Amino acid sequence: PLAPVLELLDSRGAGAKQLRYDAALGVSLV
């Protein structure tokens, strides 16, 4: 699940410069 990963990043103050989500390809963020 994507949401728990993003929650962890937020808790560490690790904001993404770029975020892409595609149901078929998955997630990539910088």
PDB file of all heavy atoms in Angstrom:
ATOM      1  N   PRO A   1       0.832  -1.206   0.000  1.00  0.00           N
ATOM      2  CA  PRO A   1       0.000   0.000   0.000  1.00  0.00           C
ATOM      3  C   PRO A   1       0.870   1.260   0.000  1.00  0.00           C
ATOM      4  O   PRO A   1       1.886   1.315   0.695  1.00  0.00           O
ATOM      5  CB  PRO A   1      -0.803  -0.126   1.300  1.00  0.00           C
ATOM      6  CG  PRO A   1      -0.724  -1.562   1.677  1.00  0.00           C
ATOM      7  CD  PRO A   1       0.596  -2.051   1.169  1.00  0.00           C
ATOM      8  N   LEU A   2       0.476   2.235  -0.796  1.00  0.00           N
ATOM      9  CA  LEU A   2       1.257   3.462  -0.908  1.00  0.00           C
ATOM     10  C   LEU A   2       1.135   4.339   0.339  1.00  0.00           C
ATOM     11  O   LEU A   2       2.122   4.930   0.779  1.00  0.00           O
ATOM     12  CB  LEU A   2       0.799   4.242  -2.150  1.00  0.00           C
ATOM     13  CG  LEU A   2       1.427   5.623  -2.360  1.00  0.00           C
ATOM     14  CD1 LEU A   2       2.942   5.513  -2.487  1.00  0.00           C
ATOM     15  CD2 LEU A   2       0.826   6.288  -3.603  1.00  0.00           C
ATOM     16  N   ALA A   3      -0.063   4.422   0.909  1.00  0.00           N
ATOM     17  CA  ALA A   3      -0.301   5.368   2.012  1.00  0.00           C
ATOM     18  C   ALA A   3       0.654   5.171   3.186  1.00  0.00           C
ATOM     19  O   ALA A   3       1.186   6.160   3.709  1.00  0.00           O
ATOM     20  CB  ALA A   3      -1.753   5.274   2.472  1.00  0.00           C
ATOM     21  N   PRO A   4       0.914   3.930   3.665  1.00  0.00           N
ATOM     22  CA  PRO A   4       1.846   3.777   4.793  1.00  0.00           C
ATOM     23  C   PRO A   4       3.270   4.234   4.465  1.00  0.00           C
ATOM     24  O   PRO A   4       3.976   4.738   5.343  1.00  0.00           O
ATOM     25  CB  PRO A   4       1.801   2.271   5.083  1.00  0.00           C
ATOM     26  CG  PRO A   4       0.498   1.805   4.532  1.00  0.00           C
ATOM     27  CD  PRO A   4       0.268   2.652   3.328  1.00  0.00           C
ATOM     28  N   VAL A   5       3.686   4.052   3.221  1.00  0.00           N
ATOM     29  CA  VAL A   5       5.018   4.521   2.815  1.00  0.00           C
ATOM     30  C   VAL A   5       5.079   6.046   2.898  1.00  0.00           C
ATOM     31  O   VAL A   5       6.025   6.627   3.437  1.00  0.00           O
ATOM     32  CB  VAL A   5       5.358   4.045   1.386  1.00  0.00           C
ATOM     33  CG1 VAL A   5       6.696   4.629   0.935  1.00  0.00           C
ATOM     34  CG2 VAL A   5       5.391   2.525   1.324  1.00  0.00           C
ATOM     35  N   LEU A   6       4.042   6.705   2.384  1.00  0.00           N
ATOM     36  CA  LEU A   6       4.005   8.164   2.433  1.00  0.00           C
ATOM     37  C   LEU A   6       3.911   8.667   3.868  1.00  0.00           C
ATOM     38  O   LEU A   6       4.496   9.695   4.220  1.00  0.00           O
ATOM     39  CB  LEU A   6       2.819   8.680   1.614  1.00  0.00           C
ATOM     40  CG  LEU A   6       2.833   8.335   0.114  1.00  0.00           C
ATOM     41  CD1 LEU A   6       1.607   8.920  -0.574  1.00  0.00           C
ATOM     42  CD2 LEU A   6       4.113   8.836  -0.546  1.00  0.00           C
ATOM     43  N   GLU A   7       3.189   7.930   4.708  1.00  0.00           N
ATOM     44  CA  GLU A   7       3.084   8.313   6.114  1.00  0.00           C
ATOM     45  C   GLU A   7       4.459   8.270   6.789  1.00  0.00           C
ATOM     46  O   GLU A   7       4.814   9.170   7.571  1.00  0.00           O
ATOM     47  CB  GLU A   7       2.112   7.390   6.842  1.00  0.00           C
ATOM     48  CG  GLU A   7       1.870   7.764   8.298  1.00  0.00           C
ATOM     49  CD  GLU A   7       0.885   6.842   8.978  1.00  0.00           C
ATOM     50  OE1 GLU A   7       0.469   5.842   8.374  1.00  0.00           O
ATOM     51  OE2 GLU A   7       0.519   7.138  10.133  1.00  0.00           O
ATOM     52  N   LEU A   8       5.245   7.252   6.480  1.00  0.00           N
ATOM     53  CA  LEU A   8       6.588   7.157   7.038  1.00  0.00           C
ATOM     54  C   LEU A   8       7.454   8.312   6.549  1.00  0.00           C
ATOM     55  O   LEU A   8       8.187   8.935   7.330  1.00  0.00           O
ATOM     56  CB  LEU A   8       7.227   5.823   6.659  1.00  0.00           C
ATOM     57  CG  LEU A   8       8.717   5.662   7.017  1.00  0.00           C
ATOM     58  CD1 LEU A   8       8.939   5.847   8.514  1.00  0.00           C
ATOM     59  CD2 LEU A   8       9.226   4.303   6.554  1.00  0.00           C
ATOM     60  N   LEU A   9       7.382   8.630   5.264  1.00  0.00           N
ATOM     61  CA  LEU A   9       8.158   9.736   4.722  1.00  0.00           C
ATOM     62  C   LEU A   9       7.784  11.051   5.393  1.00  0.00           C
ATOM     63  O   LEU A   9       8.654  11.865   5.740  1.00  0.00           O
ATOM     64  CB  LEU A   9       7.954   9.832   3.206  1.00  0.00           C
ATOM     65  CG  LEU A   9       8.474   8.660   2.368  1.00  0.00           C
ATOM     66  CD1 LEU A   9       8.125   8.868   0.906  1.00  0.00           C
ATOM     67  CD2 LEU A   9       9.976   8.471   2.540  1.00  0.00           C
ATOM     68  N   ASP A  10       6.495  11.254   5.602  1.00  0.00           N
ATOM     69  CA  ASP A  10       6.053  12.479   6.288  1.00  0.00           C
ATOM     70  C   ASP A  10       6.582  12.545   7.711  1.00  0.00           C
ATOM     71  O   ASP A  10       6.990  13.608   8.198  1.00  0.00           O
ATOM     72  CB  ASP A  10       4.518  12.559   6.304  1.00  0.00           C
ATOM     73  CG  ASP A  10       3.947  13.165   5.039  1.00  0.00           C
ATOM     74  OD1 ASP A  10       4.707  13.838   4.314  1.00  0.00           O
ATOM     75  OD2 ASP A  10       2.751  12.976   4.772  1.00  0.00           O
ATOM     76  N   SER A  11       6.579  11.412   8.398  1.00  0.00           N
ATOM     77  CA  SER A  11       7.036  11.401   9.785  1.00  0.00           C
ATOM     78  C   SER A  11       8.518  11.730   9.893  1.00  0.00           C
ATOM     79  O   SER A  11       8.980  12.214  10.936  1.00  0.00           O
ATOM     80  CB  SER A  11       6.764  10.026  10.421  1.00  0.00           C
ATOM     81  OG  SER A  11       7.641   9.035   9.896  1.00  0.00           O
ATOM     82  N   ARG A  12       9.257  11.495   8.812  1.00  0.00           N
ATOM     83  CA  ARG A  12      10.685  11.803   8.782  1.00  0.00           C
ATOM     84  C   ARG A  12      10.973  13.147   8.119  1.00  0.00           C
ATOM     85  O   ARG A  12      12.134  13.534   7.961  1.00  0.00           O
ATOM     86  CB  ARG A  12      11.444  10.708   8.016  1.00  0.00           C
ATOM     87  CG  ARG A  12      11.416   9.347   8.685  1.00  0.00           C
ATOM     88  CD  ARG A  12      12.390   9.293   9.835  1.00  0.00           C
ATOM     89  NE  ARG A  12      12.474   7.955  10.424  1.00  0.00           N
ATOM     90  CZ  ARG A  12      13.316   7.636  11.392  1.00  0.00           C
ATOM     91  NH1 ARG A  12      14.128   8.554  11.881  1.00  0.00           N
ATOM     92  NH2 ARG A  12      13.318   6.412  11.891  1.00  0.00           N
ATOM     93  N   GLY A  13       9.938  13.851   7.704  1.00  0.00           N
ATOM     94  CA  GLY A  13      10.138  15.125   7.027  1.00  0.00           C
ATOM     95  C   GLY A  13      10.758  14.981   5.658  1.00  0.00           C
ATOM     96  O   GLY A  13      11.448  15.889   5.171  1.00  0.00           O
ATOM     97  N   ALA A  14      10.498  13.853   5.008  1.00  0.00           N
ATOM     98  CA  ALA A  14      11.093  13.563   3.707  1.00  0.00           C
ATOM     99  C   ALA A  14      10.072  13.816   2.602  1.00  0.00           C
ATOM    100  O   ALA A  14       9.463  12.882   2.081  1.00  0.00           O
ATOM    101  CB  ALA A  14      11.586  12.121   3.660  1.00  0.00           C
ATOM    102  N   GLY A  15       9.887  15.070   2.248  1.00  0.00           N
ATOM    103  CA  GLY A  15       8.948  15.400   1.186  1.00  0.00           C
ATOM    104  C   GLY A  15       9.491  15.015  -0.175  1.00  0.00           C
ATOM    105  O   GLY A  15      10.708  15.034  -0.411  1.00  0.00           O
ATOM    106  N   ALA A  16       8.614  14.638  -1.089  1.00  0.00           N
ATOM    107  CA  ALA A  16       9.031  14.221  -2.427  1.00  0.00           C
ATOM    108  C   ALA A  16       9.076  15.423  -3.362  1.00  0.00           C
ATOM    109  O   ALA A  16       8.176  16.254  -3.370  1.00  0.00           O
ATOM    110  CB  ALA A  16       8.071  13.175  -2.976  1.00  0.00           C
ATOM    111  N   LYS A  17      10.142  15.517  -4.165  1.00  0.00           N
ATOM    112  CA  LYS A  17      10.204  16.546  -5.195  1.00  0.00           C
ATOM    113  C   LYS A  17       9.281  16.186  -6.356  1.00  0.00           C
ATOM    114  O   LYS A  17       8.721  17.060  -7.001  1.00  0.00           O
ATOM    115  CB  LYS A  17      11.642  16.700  -5.696  1.00  0.00           C
ATOM    116  CG  LYS A  17      12.598  17.267  -4.666  1.00  0.00           C
ATOM    117  CD  LYS A  17      13.982  17.448  -5.224  1.00  0.00           C
ATOM    118  CE  LYS A  17      14.042  18.574  -6.215  1.00  0.00           C
ATOM    119  NZ  LYS A  17      13.934  19.911  -5.608  1.00  0.00           N
ATOM    120  N   GLN A  18       9.174  14.907  -6.634  1.00  0.00           N
ATOM    121  CA  GLN A  18       8.281  14.428  -7.695  1.00  0.00           C
ATOM    122  C   GLN A  18       7.633  13.141  -7.227  1.00  0.00           C
ATOM    123  O   GLN A  18       8.271  12.312  -6.590  1.00  0.00           O
ATOM    124  CB  GLN A  18       9.060  14.159  -8.988  1.00  0.00           C
ATOM    125  CG  GLN A  18       9.781  15.365  -9.568  1.00  0.00           C
ATOM    126  CD  GLN A  18      10.782  14.967 -10.637  1.00  0.00           C
ATOM    127  OE1 GLN A  18      10.786  13.842 -11.115  1.00  0.00           O
ATOM    128  NE2 GLN A  18      11.648  15.890 -11.002  1.00  0.00           N
ATOM    129  N   LEU A  19       6.368  12.965  -7.546  1.00  0.00           N
ATOM    130  CA  LEU A  19       5.648  11.734  -7.201  1.00  0.00           C
ATOM    131  C   LEU A  19       4.788  11.332  -8.381  1.00  0.00           C
ATOM    132  O   LEU A  19       4.018  12.138  -8.913  1.00  0.00           O
ATOM    133  CB  LEU A  19       4.763  11.961  -5.963  1.00  0.00           C
ATOM    134  CG  LEU A  19       3.751  10.855  -5.618  1.00  0.00           C
ATOM    135  CD1 LEU A  19       4.485   9.555  -5.286  1.00  0.00           C
ATOM    136  CD2 LEU A  19       2.862  11.285  -4.471  1.00  0.00           C
ATOM    137  N   ARG A  20       4.948  10.063  -8.791  1.00  0.00           N
ATOM    138  CA  ARG A  20       4.117   9.537  -9.880  1.00  0.00           C
ATOM    139  C   ARG A  20       3.508   8.213  -9.439  1.00  0.00           C
ATOM    140  O   ARG A  20       4.199   7.371  -8.857  1.00  0.00           O
ATOM    141  CB  ARG A  20       4.958   9.292 -11.136  1.00  0.00           C
ATOM    142  CG  ARG A  20       5.489  10.540 -11.788  1.00  0.00           C
ATOM    143  CD  ARG A  20       6.189  10.188 -13.102  1.00  0.00           C
ATOM    144  NE  ARG A  20       6.794  11.350 -13.701  1.00  0.00           N
ATOM    145  CZ  ARG A  20       7.973  11.852 -13.331  1.00  0.00           C
ATOM    146  NH1 ARG A  20       8.657  11.268 -12.370  1.00  0.00           N
ATOM    147  NH2 ARG A  20       8.466  12.919 -13.923  1.00  0.00           N
ATOM    148  N   TYR A  21       2.222   8.068  -9.740  1.00  0.00           N
ATOM    149  CA  TYR A  21       1.540   6.806  -9.429  1.00  0.00           C
ATOM    150  C   TYR A  21       0.777   6.357 -10.666  1.00  0.00           C
ATOM    151  O   TYR A  21       0.065   7.150 -11.300  1.00  0.00           O
ATOM    152  CB  TYR A  21       0.572   6.990  -8.258  1.00  0.00           C
ATOM    153  CG  TYR A  21      -0.324   5.787  -8.063  1.00  0.00           C
ATOM    154  CD1 TYR A  21       0.159   4.624  -7.472  1.00  0.00           C
ATOM    155  CD2 TYR A  21      -1.658   5.809  -8.499  1.00  0.00           C
ATOM    156  CE1 TYR A  21      -0.654   3.518  -7.310  1.00  0.00           C
ATOM    157  CE2 TYR A  21      -2.476   4.706  -8.341  1.00  0.00           C
ATOM    158  CZ  TYR A  21      -1.969   3.564  -7.745  1.00  0.00           C
ATOM    159  OH  TYR A  21      -2.776   2.462  -7.595  1.00  0.00           O
ATOM    160  N   ASP A  22       0.940   5.095 -10.989  1.00  0.00           N
ATOM    161  CA  ASP A  22       0.217   4.479 -12.101  1.00  0.00           C
ATOM    162  C   ASP A  22      -0.207   3.087 -11.639  1.00  0.00           C
ATOM    163  O   ASP A  22       0.630   2.297 -11.185  1.00  0.00           O
ATOM    164  CB  ASP A  22       1.111   4.386 -13.339  1.00  0.00           C
ATOM    165  CG  ASP A  22       0.353   3.867 -14.551  1.00  0.00           C
ATOM    166  OD1 ASP A  22       0.044   2.655 -14.588  1.00  0.00           O
ATOM    167  OD2 ASP A  22       0.072   4.672 -15.462  1.00  0.00           O
ATOM    168  N   ALA A  23      -1.489   2.796 -11.738  1.00  0.00           N
ATOM    169  CA  ALA A  23      -2.003   1.520 -11.227  1.00  0.00           C
ATOM    170  C   ALA A  23      -1.312   0.329 -11.873  1.00  0.00           C
ATOM    171  O   ALA A  23      -1.128  -0.716 -11.247  1.00  0.00           O
ATOM    172  CB  ALA A  23      -3.518   1.439 -11.459  1.00  0.00           C
ATOM    173  N   ALA A  24      -0.907   0.478 -13.132  1.00  0.00           N
ATOM    174  CA  ALA A  24      -0.275  -0.633 -13.832  1.00  0.00           C
ATOM    175  C   ALA A  24       1.232  -0.685 -13.615  1.00  0.00           C
ATOM    176  O   ALA A  24       1.834  -1.765 -13.621  1.00  0.00           O
ATOM    177  CB  ALA A  24      -0.576  -0.532 -15.325  1.00  0.00           C
ATOM    178  N   LEU A  25       1.858   0.473 -13.409  1.00  0.00           N
ATOM    179  CA  LEU A  25       3.322   0.534 -13.323  1.00  0.00           C
ATOM    180  C   LEU A  25       3.845   0.695 -11.909  1.00  0.00           C
ATOM    181  O   LEU A  25       5.009   0.394 -11.635  1.00  0.00           O
ATOM    182  CB  LEU A  25       3.844   1.689 -14.188  1.00  0.00           C
ATOM    183  CG  LEU A  25       3.484   1.619 -15.676  1.00  0.00           C
ATOM    184  CD1 LEU A  25       3.989   2.861 -16.397  1.00  0.00           C
ATOM    185  CD2 LEU A  25       4.067   0.362 -16.300  1.00  0.00           C
ATOM    186  N   GLY A  26       3.022   1.206 -11.002  1.00  0.00           N
ATOM    187  CA  GLY A  26       3.452   1.388  -9.630  1.00  0.00           C
ATOM    188  C   GLY A  26       3.787   2.832  -9.312  1.00  0.00           C
ATOM    189  O   GLY A  26       3.261   3.760  -9.938  1.00  0.00           O
ATOM    190  N   VAL A  27       4.681   3.027  -8.342  1.00  0.00           N
ATOM    191  CA  VAL A  27       4.987   4.356  -7.797  1.00  0.00           C
ATOM    192  C   VAL A  27       6.466   4.660  -7.992  1.00  0.00           C
ATOM    193  O   VAL A  27       7.330   3.791  -7.847  1.00  0.00           O
ATOM    194  CB  VAL A  27       4.655   4.418  -6.287  1.00  0.00           C
ATOM    195  CG1 VAL A  27       5.066   5.764  -5.697  1.00  0.00           C
ATOM    196  CG2 VAL A  27       3.182   4.144  -6.065  1.00  0.00           C
ATOM    197  N   SER A  28       6.751   5.902  -8.328  1.00  0.00           N
ATOM    198  CA  SER A  28       8.123   6.395  -8.280  1.00  0.00           C
ATOM    199  C   SER A  28       8.090   7.803  -7.706  1.00  0.00           C
ATOM    200  O   SER A  28       7.202   8.593  -8.037  1.00  0.00           O
ATOM    201  CB  SER A  28       8.767   6.410  -9.670  1.00  0.00           C
ATOM    202  OG  SER A  28       8.153   7.371 -10.497  1.00  0.00           O
ATOM    203  N   LEU A  29       9.014   8.088  -6.816  1.00  0.00           N
ATOM    204  CA  LEU A  29       9.122   9.442  -6.273  1.00  0.00           C
ATOM    205  C   LEU A  29      10.584   9.769  -6.032  1.00  0.00           C
ATOM    206  O   LEU A  29      11.412   8.896  -5.827  1.00  0.00           O
ATOM    207  CB  LEU A  29       8.280   9.623  -5.014  1.00  0.00           C
ATOM    208  CG  LEU A  29       8.529   8.760  -3.789  1.00  0.00           C
ATOM    209  CD1 LEU A  29       9.599   9.392  -2.911  1.00  0.00           C
ATOM    210  CD2 LEU A  29       7.237   8.616  -2.982  1.00  0.00           C
ATOM    211  N   VAL A  30      10.883  11.056  -6.092  1.00  0.00           N
ATOM    212  CA  VAL A  30      12.250  11.535  -5.943  1.00  0.00           C
ATOM    213  C   VAL A  30      12.375  12.283  -4.628  1.00  0.00           C
ATOM    214  O   VAL A  30      11.616  13.215  -4.357  1.00  0.00           O
ATOM    215  CB  VAL A  30      12.647  12.452  -7.120  1.00  0.00           C
ATOM    216  CG1 VAL A  30      14.061  13.005  -6.919  1.00  0.00           C
ATOM    217  CG2 VAL A  30      12.556  11.691  -8.440  1.00  0.00           C
TER     218      VAL A  30
END
